[in-house]
Amino acid sequence: TGSSAVEWAVPGGKQPLTWHKALFNAPPGSDPVALDMGSMGKGQM
């Protein structure tokens, strides 16, 4: 609901203090799932 409150745009490079969103489908199977955040800086998910 909250994500619809602002206008989202195409990412503009390595900008500080930026929110990013994406949609995805769950991978098949029952194996545990993780996000690889090694290329990012610091933040929350």
PDB file of all heavy atoms in Angstrom:
ATOM      1  N   THR A   1       0.830  -1.209   0.000  1.00  0.00           N
ATOM      2  CA  THR A   1       0.000   0.000   0.000  1.00  0.00           C
ATOM      3  C   THR A   1       0.862   1.256   0.000  1.00  0.00           C
ATOM      4  O   THR A   1       0.644   2.186  -0.783  1.00  0.00           O
ATOM      5  CB  THR A   1      -0.933   0.001   1.218  1.00  0.00           C
ATOM      6  OG1 THR A   1      -1.743  -1.172   1.193  1.00  0.00           O
ATOM      7  CG2 THR A   1      -1.816   1.234   1.216  1.00  0.00           C
ATOM      8  N   GLY A   2       1.851   1.294   0.891  1.00  0.00           N
ATOM      9  CA  GLY A   2       2.686   2.478   1.013  1.00  0.00           C
ATOM     10  C   GLY A   2       3.519   2.753  -0.215  1.00  0.00           C
ATOM     11  O   GLY A   2       3.789   3.913  -0.552  1.00  0.00           O
ATOM     12  N   SER A   3       3.929   1.706  -0.897  1.00  0.00           N
ATOM     13  CA  SER A   3       4.803   1.893  -2.057  1.00  0.00           C
ATOM     14  C   SER A   3       4.096   2.609  -3.199  1.00  0.00           C
ATOM     15  O   SER A   3       4.735   3.150  -4.099  1.00  0.00           O
ATOM     16  CB  SER A   3       5.344   0.548  -2.546  1.00  0.00           C
ATOM     17  OG  SER A   3       4.295  -0.271  -3.031  1.00  0.00           O
ATOM     18  N   SER A   4       2.774   2.639  -3.150  1.00  0.00           N
ATOM     19  CA  SER A   4       2.024   3.325  -4.209  1.00  0.00           C
ATOM     20  C   SER A   4       1.882   4.817  -3.938  1.00  0.00           C
ATOM     21  O   SER A   4       1.292   5.544  -4.743  1.00  0.00           O
ATOM     22  CB  SER A   4       0.640   2.701  -4.347  1.00  0.00           C
ATOM     23  OG  SER A   4      -0.120   2.877  -3.155  1.00  0.00           O
ATOM     24  N   ALA A   5       2.441   5.300  -2.825  1.00  0.00           N
ATOM     25  CA  ALA A   5       2.275   6.697  -2.440  1.00  0.00           C
ATOM     26  C   ALA A   5       3.245   7.633  -3.146  1.00  0.00           C
ATOM     27  O   ALA A   5       3.108   8.851  -3.038  1.00  0.00           O
ATOM     28  CB  ALA A   5       2.440   6.836  -0.924  1.00  0.00           C
ATOM     29  N   VAL A   6       4.241   7.088  -3.836  1.00  0.00           N
ATOM     30  CA  VAL A   6       5.240   7.934  -4.495  1.00  0.00           C
ATOM     31  C   VAL A   6       5.430   7.472  -5.937  1.00  0.00           C
ATOM     32  O   VAL A   6       5.014   6.375  -6.317  1.00  0.00           O
ATOM     33  CB  VAL A   6       6.605   7.890  -3.749  1.00  0.00           C
ATOM     34  CG1 VAL A   6       6.453   8.381  -2.326  1.00  0.00           C
ATOM     35  CG2 VAL A   6       7.192   6.475  -3.784  1.00  0.00           C
ATOM     36  N   GLU A   7       6.084   8.325  -6.709  1.00  0.00           N
ATOM     37  CA  GLU A   7       6.417   7.983  -8.087  1.00  0.00           C
ATOM     38  C   GLU A   7       7.787   7.306  -8.120  1.00  0.00           C
ATOM     39  O   GLU A   7       8.784   7.882  -7.681  1.00  0.00           O
ATOM     40  CB  GLU A   7       6.443   9.246  -8.947  1.00  0.00           C
ATOM     41  CG  GLU A   7       5.076   9.883  -9.151  1.00  0.00           C
ATOM     42  CD  GLU A   7       4.156   9.033 -10.013  1.00  0.00           C
ATOM     43  OE1 GLU A   7       4.674   8.274 -10.856  1.00  0.00           O
ATOM     44  OE2 GLU A   7       2.919   9.109  -9.827  1.00  0.00           O
ATOM     45  N   TRP A   8       7.812   6.082  -8.602  1.00  0.00           N
ATOM     46  CA  TRP A   8       9.063   5.343  -8.721  1.00  0.00           C
ATOM     47  C   TRP A   8       9.634   5.558 -10.130  1.00  0.00           C
ATOM     48  O   TRP A   8       8.896   5.744 -11.089  1.00  0.00           O
ATOM     49  CB  TRP A   8       8.838   3.860  -8.464  1.00  0.00           C
ATOM     50  CG  TRP A   8       8.366   3.578  -7.064  1.00  0.00           C
ATOM     51  CD1 TRP A   8       7.099   3.725  -6.586  1.00  0.00           C
ATOM     52  CD2 TRP A   8       9.153   3.141  -5.962  1.00  0.00           C
ATOM     53  NE1 TRP A   8       7.029   3.390  -5.252  1.00  0.00           N
ATOM     54  CE2 TRP A   8       8.291   3.019  -4.836  1.00  0.00           C
ATOM     55  CE3 TRP A   8      10.495   2.817  -5.791  1.00  0.00           C
ATOM     56  CZ2 TRP A   8       8.729   2.605  -3.584  1.00  0.00           C
ATOM     57  CZ3 TRP A   8      10.947   2.388  -4.547  1.00  0.00           C
ATOM     58  CH2 TRP A   8      10.077   2.298  -3.464  1.00  0.00           C
ATOM     59  N   ALA A   9      10.965   5.497 -10.217  1.00  0.00           N
ATOM     60  CA  ALA A   9      11.625   5.757 -11.497  1.00  0.00           C
ATOM     61  C   ALA A   9      12.687   4.702 -11.764  1.00  0.00           C
ATOM     62  O   ALA A   9      13.001   3.867 -10.912  1.00  0.00           O
ATOM     63  CB  ALA A   9      12.256   7.151 -11.490  1.00  0.00           C
ATOM     64  N   VAL A  10      13.257   4.749 -12.959  1.00  0.00           N
ATOM     65  CA  VAL A  10      14.363   3.854 -13.300  1.00  0.00           C
ATOM     66  C   VAL A  10      15.558   4.205 -12.417  1.00  0.00           C
ATOM     67  O   VAL A  10      15.842   5.385 -12.203  1.00  0.00           O
ATOM     68  CB  VAL A  10      14.742   4.004 -14.788  1.00  0.00           C
ATOM     69  CG1 VAL A  10      15.961   3.157 -15.117  1.00  0.00           C
ATOM     70  CG2 VAL A  10      13.559   3.628 -15.661  1.00  0.00           C
ATOM     71  N   PRO A  11      16.264   3.213 -11.857  1.00  0.00           N
ATOM     72  CA  PRO A  11      17.407   3.500 -10.990  1.00  0.00           C
ATOM     73  C   PRO A  11      18.426   4.403 -11.675  1.00  0.00           C
ATOM     74  O   PRO A  11      18.715   4.252 -12.866  1.00  0.00           O
ATOM     75  CB  PRO A  11      17.990   2.117 -10.703  1.00  0.00           C
ATOM     76  CG  PRO A  11      16.846   1.179 -10.890  1.00  0.00           C
ATOM     77  CD  PRO A  11      16.007   1.764 -11.979  1.00  0.00           C
ATOM     78  N   GLY A  12      18.972   5.350 -10.902  1.00  0.00           N
ATOM     79  CA  GLY A  12      19.887   6.332 -11.477  1.00  0.00           C
ATOM     80  C   GLY A  12      21.300   6.219 -11.002  1.00  0.00           C
ATOM     81  O   GLY A  12      21.962   7.242 -10.809  1.00  0.00           O
ATOM     82  N   GLY A  13      21.803   5.029 -10.771  1.00  0.00           N
ATOM     83  CA  GLY A  13      23.185   4.868 -10.333  1.00  0.00           C
ATOM     84  C   GLY A  13      23.275   4.702  -8.827  1.00  0.00           C
ATOM     85  O   GLY A  13      22.274   4.528  -8.130  1.00  0.00           O
ATOM     86  N   LYS A  14      24.492   4.797  -8.323  1.00  0.00           N
ATOM     87  CA  LYS A  14      24.750   4.544  -6.904  1.00  0.00           C
ATOM     88  C   LYS A  14      24.466   5.793  -6.070  1.00  0.00           C
ATOM     89  O   LYS A  14      25.376   6.501  -5.641  1.00  0.00           O
ATOM     90  CB  LYS A  14      26.191   4.083  -6.713  1.00  0.00           C
ATOM     91  CG  LYS A  14      26.517   2.778  -7.428  1.00  0.00           C
ATOM     92  CD  LYS A  14      27.956   2.357  -7.181  1.00  0.00           C
ATOM     93  CE  LYS A  14      28.276   1.051  -7.891  1.00  0.00           C
ATOM     94  NZ  LYS A  14      29.676   0.616  -7.658  1.00  0.00           N
ATOM     95  N   GLN A  15      23.185   6.042  -5.846  1.00  0.00           N
ATOM     96  CA  GLN A  15      22.768   7.212  -5.094  1.00  0.00           C
ATOM     97  C   GLN A  15      22.535   6.854  -3.629  1.00  0.00           C
ATOM     98  O   GLN A  15      21.958   5.814  -3.324  1.00  0.00           O
ATOM     99  CB  GLN A  15      21.476   7.780  -5.692  1.00  0.00           C
ATOM    100  CG  GLN A  15      21.614   8.267  -7.119  1.00  0.00           C
ATOM    101  CD  GLN A  15      22.578   9.429  -7.232  1.00  0.00           C
ATOM    102  OE1 GLN A  15      22.578  10.328  -6.395  1.00  0.00           O
ATOM    103  NE2 GLN A  15      23.414   9.406  -8.255  1.00  0.00           N
ATOM    104  N   PRO A  16      22.966   7.737  -2.704  1.00  0.00           N
ATOM    105  CA  PRO A  16      22.689   7.467  -1.291  1.00  0.00           C
ATOM    106  C   PRO A  16      21.225   7.729  -0.961  1.00  0.00           C
ATOM    107  O   PRO A  16      20.517   8.428  -1.697  1.00  0.00           O
ATOM    108  CB  PRO A  16      23.608   8.459  -0.573  1.00  0.00           C
ATOM    109  CG  PRO A  16      23.757   9.599  -1.528  1.00  0.00           C
ATOM    110  CD  PRO A  16      23.748   8.968  -2.894  1.00  0.00           C
ATOM    111  N   LEU A  17      20.778   7.146   0.136  1.00  0.00           N
ATOM    112  CA  LEU A  17      19.421   7.343   0.645  1.00  0.00           C
ATOM    113  C   LEU A  17      18.367   7.158  -0.441  1.00  0.00           C
ATOM    114  O   LEU A  17      17.609   8.067  -0.767  1.00  0.00           O
ATOM    115  CB  LEU A  17      19.290   8.719   1.292  1.00  0.00           C
ATOM    116  CG  LEU A  17      19.991   8.873   2.646  1.00  0.00           C
ATOM    117  CD1 LEU A  17      19.744  10.245   3.229  1.00  0.00           C
ATOM    118  CD2 LEU A  17      19.562   7.796   3.617  1.00  0.00           C
ATOM    119  N   THR A  18      18.348   5.958  -0.992  1.00  0.00           N
ATOM    120  CA  THR A  18      17.413   5.643  -2.066  1.00  0.00           C
ATOM    121  C   THR A  18      16.677   4.348  -1.753  1.00  0.00           C
ATOM    122  O   THR A  18      17.269   3.378  -1.266  1.00  0.00           O
ATOM    123  CB  THR A  18      18.159   5.498  -3.404  1.00  0.00           C
ATOM    124  OG1 THR A  18      18.877   6.705  -3.662  1.00  0.00           O
ATOM    125  CG2 THR A  18      17.188   5.248  -4.536  1.00  0.00           C
ATOM    126  N   TRP A  19      15.370   4.358  -2.010  1.00  0.00           N
ATOM    127  CA  TRP A  19      14.543   3.169  -1.870  1.00  0.00           C
ATOM    128  C   TRP A  19      14.453   2.469  -3.224  1.00  0.00           C
ATOM    129  O   TRP A  19      14.359   3.123  -4.269  1.00  0.00           O
ATOM    130  CB  TRP A  19      13.138   3.558  -1.414  1.00  0.00           C
ATOM    131  CG  TRP A  19      13.094   4.171  -0.043  1.00  0.00           C
ATOM    132  CD1 TRP A  19      13.398   5.463   0.279  1.00  0.00           C
ATOM    133  CD2 TRP A  19      12.708   3.531   1.172  1.00  0.00           C
ATOM    134  NE1 TRP A  19      13.243   5.667   1.626  1.00  0.00           N
ATOM    135  CE2 TRP A  19      12.808   4.495   2.205  1.00  0.00           C
ATOM    136  CE3 TRP A  19      12.285   2.245   1.494  1.00  0.00           C
ATOM    137  CZ2 TRP A  19      12.504   4.210   3.526  1.00  0.00           C
ATOM    138  CZ3 TRP A  19      11.985   1.954   2.814  1.00  0.00           C
ATOM    139  CH2 TRP A  19      12.094   2.919   3.819  1.00  0.00           C
ATOM    140  N   HIS A  20      14.473   1.153  -3.194  1.00  0.00           N
ATOM    141  CA  HIS A  20      14.365   0.356  -4.411  1.00  0.00           C
ATOM    142  C   HIS A  20      13.312  -0.730  -4.184  1.00  0.00           C
ATOM    143  O   HIS A  20      13.239  -1.322  -3.099  1.00  0.00           O
ATOM    144  CB  HIS A  20      15.697  -0.306  -4.772  1.00  0.00           C
ATOM    145  CG  HIS A  20      16.856   0.644  -4.813  1.00  0.00           C
ATOM    146  ND1 HIS A  20      17.063   1.535  -5.842  1.00  0.00           N
ATOM    147  CD2 HIS A  20      17.871   0.844  -3.929  1.00  0.00           C
ATOM    148  CE1 HIS A  20      18.157   2.232  -5.617  1.00  0.00           C
ATOM    149  NE2 HIS A  20      18.669   1.840  -4.460  1.00  0.00           N
ATOM    150  N   LYS A  21      12.524  -1.004  -5.211  1.00  0.00           N
ATOM    151  CA  LYS A  21      11.530  -2.070  -5.087  1.00  0.00           C
ATOM    152  C   LYS A  21      11.511  -2.915  -6.349  1.00  0.00           C
ATOM    153  O   LYS A  21      11.885  -2.464  -7.439  1.00  0.00           O
ATOM    154  CB  LYS A  21      10.141  -1.500  -4.817  1.00  0.00           C
ATOM    155  CG  LYS A  21       9.470  -0.853  -6.024  1.00  0.00           C
ATOM    156  CD  LYS A  21       7.997  -0.540  -5.735  1.00  0.00           C
ATOM    157  CE  LYS A  21       7.280  -0.012  -6.982  1.00  0.00           C
ATOM    158  NZ  LYS A  21       5.842   0.214  -6.762  1.00  0.00           N
ATOM    159  N   ALA A  22      11.073  -4.165  -6.181  1.00  0.00           N
ATOM    160  CA  ALA A  22      10.943  -5.080  -7.317  1.00  0.00           C
ATOM    161  C   ALA A  22       9.927  -6.155  -6.960  1.00  0.00           C
ATOM    162  O   ALA A  22       9.685  -6.445  -5.782  1.00  0.00           O
ATOM    163  CB  ALA A  22      12.286  -5.706  -7.667  1.00  0.00           C
ATOM    164  N   LEU A  23       9.342  -6.745  -7.987  1.00  0.00           N
ATOM    165  CA  LEU A  23       8.435  -7.873  -7.823  1.00  0.00           C
ATOM    166  C   LEU A  23       9.128  -9.144  -8.302  1.00  0.00           C
ATOM    167  O   LEU A  23       9.934  -9.110  -9.236  1.00  0.00           O
ATOM    168  CB  LEU A  23       7.147  -7.654  -8.607  1.00  0.00           C
ATOM    169  CG  LEU A  23       6.263  -6.480  -8.153  1.00  0.00           C
ATOM    170  CD1 LEU A  23       5.089  -6.310  -9.113  1.00  0.00           C
ATOM    171  CD2 LEU A  23       5.764  -6.703  -6.736  1.00  0.00           C
ATOM    172  N   PHE A  24       8.807 -10.274  -7.678  1.00  0.00           N
ATOM    173  CA  PHE A  24       9.432 -11.535  -8.085  1.00  0.00           C
ATOM    174  C   PHE A  24       8.526 -12.702  -7.726  1.00  0.00           C
ATOM    175  O   PHE A  24       7.638 -12.594  -6.869  1.00  0.00           O
ATOM    176  CB  PHE A  24      10.799 -11.695  -7.419  1.00  0.00           C
ATOM    177  CG  PHE A  24      10.755 -11.903  -5.919  1.00  0.00           C
ATOM    178  CD1 PHE A  24      10.809 -13.178  -5.367  1.00  0.00           C
ATOM    179  CD2 PHE A  24      10.666 -10.819  -5.052  1.00  0.00           C
ATOM    180  CE1 PHE A  24      10.779 -13.378  -3.989  1.00  0.00           C
ATOM    181  CE2 PHE A  24      10.640 -11.001  -3.680  1.00  0.00           C
ATOM    182  CZ  PHE A  24      10.690 -12.277  -3.147  1.00  0.00           C
ATOM    183  N   ASN A  25       8.766 -13.815  -8.383  1.00  0.00           N
ATOM    184  CA  ASN A  25       8.072 -15.061  -8.088  1.00  0.00           C
ATOM    185  C   ASN A  25       8.938 -15.934  -7.187  1.00  0.00           C
ATOM    186  O   ASN A  25      10.172 -15.926  -7.285  1.00  0.00           O
ATOM    187  CB  ASN A  25       7.745 -15.814  -9.368  1.00  0.00           C
ATOM    188  CG  ASN A  25       6.762 -15.061 -10.238  1.00  0.00           C
ATOM    189  OD1 ASN A  25       5.964 -14.261  -9.748  1.00  0.00           O
ATOM    190  ND2 ASN A  25       6.822 -15.299 -11.540  1.00  0.00           N
ATOM    191  N   ALA A  26       8.312 -16.683  -6.319  1.00  0.00           N
ATOM    192  CA  ALA A  26       9.047 -17.564  -5.425  1.00  0.00           C
ATOM    193  C   ALA A  26       9.718 -18.680  -6.217  1.00  0.00           C
ATOM    194  O   ALA A  26       9.119 -19.239  -7.143  1.00  0.00           O
ATOM    195  CB  ALA A  26       8.116 -18.159  -4.382  1.00  0.00           C
ATOM    196  N   PRO A  27      10.963 -19.013  -5.881  1.00  0.00           N
ATOM    197  CA  PRO A  27      11.611 -20.132  -6.567  1.00  0.00           C
ATOM    198  C   PRO A  27      10.920 -21.440  -6.212  1.00  0.00           C
ATOM    199  O   PRO A  27      10.411 -21.604  -5.100  1.00  0.00           O
ATOM    200  CB  PRO A  27      13.042 -20.088  -6.035  1.00  0.00           C
ATOM    201  CG  PRO A  27      12.957 -19.363  -4.739  1.00  0.00           C
ATOM    202  CD  PRO A  27      11.840 -18.382  -4.875  1.00  0.00           C
ATOM    203  N   PRO A  28      10.858 -22.373  -7.150  1.00  0.00           N
ATOM    204  CA  PRO A  28      10.190 -23.654  -6.868  1.00  0.00           C
ATOM    205  C   PRO A  28      10.948 -24.450  -5.809  1.00  0.00           C
ATOM    206  O   PRO A  28      12.121 -24.205  -5.540  1.00  0.00           O
ATOM    207  CB  PRO A  28      10.215 -24.365  -8.223  1.00  0.00           C
ATOM    208  CG  PRO A  28      11.366 -23.751  -8.960  1.00  0.00           C
ATOM    209  CD  PRO A  28      11.428 -22.321  -8.507  1.00  0.00           C
ATOM    210  N   GLY A  29      10.263 -25.409  -5.218  1.00  0.00           N
ATOM    211  CA  GLY A  29      10.888 -26.274  -4.228  1.00  0.00           C
ATOM    212  C   GLY A  29      10.725 -25.740  -2.821  1.00  0.00           C
ATOM    213  O   GLY A  29       9.974 -24.792  -2.561  1.00  0.00           O
ATOM    214  N   SER A  30      11.430 -26.366  -1.902  1.00  0.00           N
ATOM    215  CA  SER A  30      11.321 -26.008  -0.489  1.00  0.00           C
ATOM    216  C   SER A  30      12.647 -25.582   0.127  1.00  0.00           C
ATOM    217  O   SER A  30      12.732 -25.364   1.338  1.00  0.00           O
ATOM    218  CB  SER A  30      10.762 -27.199   0.301  1.00  0.00           C
ATOM    219  OG  SER A  30      11.613 -28.339   0.151  1.00  0.00           O
ATOM    220  N   ASP A  31      13.703 -25.472  -0.695  1.00  0.00           N
ATOM    221  CA  ASP A  31      14.997 -25.060  -0.159  1.00  0.00           C
ATOM    222  C   ASP A  31      14.898 -23.661   0.445  1.00  0.00           C
ATOM    223  O   ASP A  31      14.174 -22.800  -0.065  1.00  0.00           O
ATOM    224  CB  ASP A  31      16.064 -25.056  -1.257  1.00  0.00           C
ATOM    225  CG  ASP A  31      16.432 -26.450  -1.723  1.00  0.00           C
ATOM    226  OD1 ASP A  31      16.250 -27.397  -0.930  1.00  0.00           O
ATOM    227  OD2 ASP A  31      16.889 -26.597  -2.871  1.00  0.00           O
ATOM    228  N   PRO A  32      15.628 -23.391   1.523  1.00  0.00           N
ATOM    229  CA  PRO A  32      15.631 -22.051   2.117  1.00  0.00           C
ATOM    230  C   PRO A  32      16.066 -20.997   1.099  1.00  0.00           C
ATOM    231  O   PRO A  32      16.825 -21.287   0.168  1.00  0.00           O
ATOM    232  CB  PRO A  32      16.640 -22.174   3.258  1.00  0.00           C
ATOM    233  CG  PRO A  32      16.675 -23.629   3.594  1.00  0.00           C
ATOM    234  CD  PRO A  32      16.458 -24.339   2.292  1.00  0.00           C
ATOM    235  N   VAL A  33      15.585 -19.770   1.309  1.00  0.00           N
ATOM    236  CA  VAL A  33      15.799 -18.683   0.364  1.00  0.00           C
ATOM    237  C   VAL A  33      16.578 -17.561   1.046  1.00  0.00           C
ATOM    238  O   VAL A  33      16.414 -17.304   2.244  1.00  0.00           O
ATOM    239  CB  VAL A  33      14.452 -18.147  -0.159  1.00  0.00           C
ATOM    240  CG1 VAL A  33      14.649 -16.959  -1.101  1.00  0.00           C
ATOM    241  CG2 VAL A  33      13.678 -19.257  -0.867  1.00  0.00           C
ATOM    242  N   ALA A  34      17.432 -16.892   0.254  1.00  0.00           N
ATOM    243  CA  ALA A  34      18.237 -15.786   0.788  1.00  0.00           C
ATOM    244  C   ALA A  34      18.395 -14.710  -0.271  1.00  0.00           C
ATOM    245  O   ALA A  34      18.310 -14.973  -1.476  1.00  0.00           O
ATOM    246  CB  ALA A  34      19.604 -16.286   1.239  1.00  0.00           C
ATOM    247  N   LEU A  35      18.643 -13.483   0.199  1.00  0.00           N
ATOM    248  CA  LEU A  35      19.006 -12.373  -0.672  1.00  0.00           C
ATOM    249  C   LEU A  35      20.512 -12.194  -0.647  1.00  0.00           C
ATOM    250  O   LEU A  35      21.129 -12.152   0.427  1.00  0.00           O
ATOM    251  CB  LEU A  35      18.330 -11.086  -0.204  1.00  0.00           C
ATOM    252  CG  LEU A  35      16.856 -10.910  -0.561  1.00  0.00           C
ATOM    253  CD1 LEU A  35      16.255  -9.748   0.221  1.00  0.00           C
ATOM    254  CD2 LEU A  35      16.690 -10.682  -2.056  1.00  0.00           C
ATOM    255  N   ASP A  36      21.110 -12.099  -1.815  1.00  0.00           N
ATOM    256  CA  ASP A  36      22.532 -11.791  -1.938  1.00  0.00           C
ATOM    257  C   ASP A  36      22.655 -10.268  -2.001  1.00  0.00           C
ATOM    258  O   ASP A  36      22.312  -9.643  -3.007  1.00  0.00           O
ATOM    259  CB  ASP A  36      23.098 -12.426  -3.203  1.00  0.00           C
ATOM    260  CG  ASP A  36      24.579 -12.109  -3.412  1.00  0.00           C
ATOM    261  OD1 ASP A  36      25.174 -11.383  -2.587  1.00  0.00           O
ATOM    262  OD2 ASP A  36      25.147 -12.593  -4.412  1.00  0.00           O
ATOM    263  N   MET A  37      23.175  -9.660  -0.939  1.00  0.00           N
ATOM    264  CA  MET A  37      23.280  -8.201  -0.855  1.00  0.00           C
ATOM    265  C   MET A  37      24.735  -7.742  -0.902  1.00  0.00           C
ATOM    266  O   MET A  37      25.042  -6.603  -0.549  1.00  0.00           O
ATOM    267  CB  MET A  37      22.626  -7.716   0.442  1.00  0.00           C
ATOM    268  CG  MET A  37      21.168  -8.099   0.590  1.00  0.00           C
ATOM    269  SD  MET A  37      20.100  -7.415  -0.702  1.00  0.00           S
ATOM    270  CE  MET A  37      20.200  -5.676  -0.320  1.00  0.00           C
ATOM    271  N   GLY A  38      25.618  -8.595  -1.363  1.00  0.00           N
ATOM    272  CA  GLY A  38      27.041  -8.296  -1.326  1.00  0.00           C
ATOM    273  C   GLY A  38      27.473  -7.116  -2.167  1.00  0.00           C
ATOM    274  O   GLY A  38      28.530  -6.527  -1.913  1.00  0.00           O
ATOM    275  N   SER A  39      26.677  -6.746  -3.161  1.00  0.00           N
ATOM    276  CA  SER A  39      27.058  -5.635  -4.027  1.00  0.00           C
ATOM    277  C   SER A  39      26.533  -4.292  -3.518  1.00  0.00           C
ATOM    278  O   SER A  39      26.845  -3.247  -4.092  1.00  0.00           O
ATOM    279  CB  SER A  39      26.519  -5.867  -5.447  1.00  0.00           C
ATOM    280  OG  SER A  39      25.102  -5.848  -5.454  1.00  0.00           O
ATOM    281  N   MET A  40      25.730  -4.329  -2.457  1.00  0.00           N
ATOM    282  CA  MET A  40      25.129  -3.105  -1.952  1.00  0.00           C
ATOM    283  C   MET A  40      25.994  -2.494  -0.841  1.00  0.00           C
ATOM    284  O   MET A  40      27.057  -3.030  -0.484  1.00  0.00           O
ATOM    285  CB  MET A  40      23.719  -3.391  -1.453  1.00  0.00           C
ATOM    286  CG  MET A  40      22.779  -3.881  -2.551  1.00  0.00           C
ATOM    287  SD  MET A  40      22.519  -2.652  -3.860  1.00  0.00           S
ATOM    288  CE  MET A  40      21.361  -1.551  -3.044  1.00  0.00           C
ATOM    289  N   GLY A  41      25.545  -1.377  -0.296  1.00  0.00           N
ATOM    290  CA  GLY A  41      26.298  -0.695   0.746  1.00  0.00           C
ATOM    291  C   GLY A  41      25.795  -1.042   2.128  1.00  0.00           C
ATOM    292  O   GLY A  41      26.203  -2.018   2.739  1.00  0.00           O
ATOM    293  N   LYS A  42      24.878  -0.241   2.627  1.00  0.00           N
ATOM    294  CA  LYS A  42      24.307  -0.446   3.962  1.00  0.00           C
ATOM    295  C   LYS A  42      22.850  -0.039   3.919  1.00  0.00           C
ATOM    296  O   LYS A  42      22.482   0.941   3.262  1.00  0.00           O
ATOM    297  CB  LYS A  42      25.049   0.392   5.000  1.00  0.00           C
ATOM    298  CG  LYS A  42      24.464   0.363   6.406  1.00  0.00           C
ATOM    299  CD  LYS A  42      25.234   1.283   7.335  1.00  0.00           C
ATOM    300  CE  LYS A  42      24.678   1.277   8.751  1.00  0.00           C
ATOM    301  NZ  LYS A  42      23.311   1.810   8.844  1.00  0.00           N
ATOM    302  N   GLY A  43      21.991  -0.793   4.615  1.00  0.00           N
ATOM    303  CA  GLY A  43      20.588  -0.432   4.634  1.00  0.00           C
ATOM    304  C   GLY A  43      19.722  -1.481   5.288  1.00  0.00           C
ATOM    305  O   GLY A  43      20.177  -2.228   6.161  1.00  0.00           O
ATOM    306  N   GLN A  44      18.469  -1.565   4.842  1.00  0.00           N
ATOM    307  CA  GLN A  44      17.505  -2.499   5.393  1.00  0.00           C
ATOM    308  C   GLN A  44      16.688  -3.112   4.259  1.00  0.00           C
ATOM    309  O   GLN A  44      16.603  -2.540   3.172  1.00  0.00           O
ATOM    310  CB  GLN A  44      16.576  -1.796   6.393  1.00  0.00           C
ATOM    311  CG  GLN A  44      17.313  -1.167   7.570  1.00  0.00           C
ATOM    312  CD  GLN A  44      16.386  -0.483   8.548  1.00  0.00           C
ATOM    313  OE1 GLN A  44      15.361  -1.035   8.942  1.00  0.00           O
ATOM    314  NE2 GLN A  44      16.742   0.729   8.957  1.00  0.00           N
ATOM    315  N   MET A  45      16.056  -4.285   4.549  1.00  0.00           N
ATOM    316  CA  MET A  45      15.328  -5.041   3.528  1.00  0.00           C
ATOM    317  C   MET A  45      13.969  -5.484   4.061  1.00  0.00           C
ATOM    318  O   MET A  45      13.856  -5.817   5.247  1.00  0.00           O
ATOM    319  CB  MET A  45      16.102  -6.306   3.148  1.00  0.00           C
ATOM    320  CG  MET A  45      17.546  -6.128   2.787  1.00  0.00           C
ATOM    321  SD  MET A  45      18.461  -7.676   3.095  1.00  0.00           S
ATOM    322  CE  MET A  45      18.415  -7.766   4.881  1.00  0.00           C
TER     323      MET A  45
END
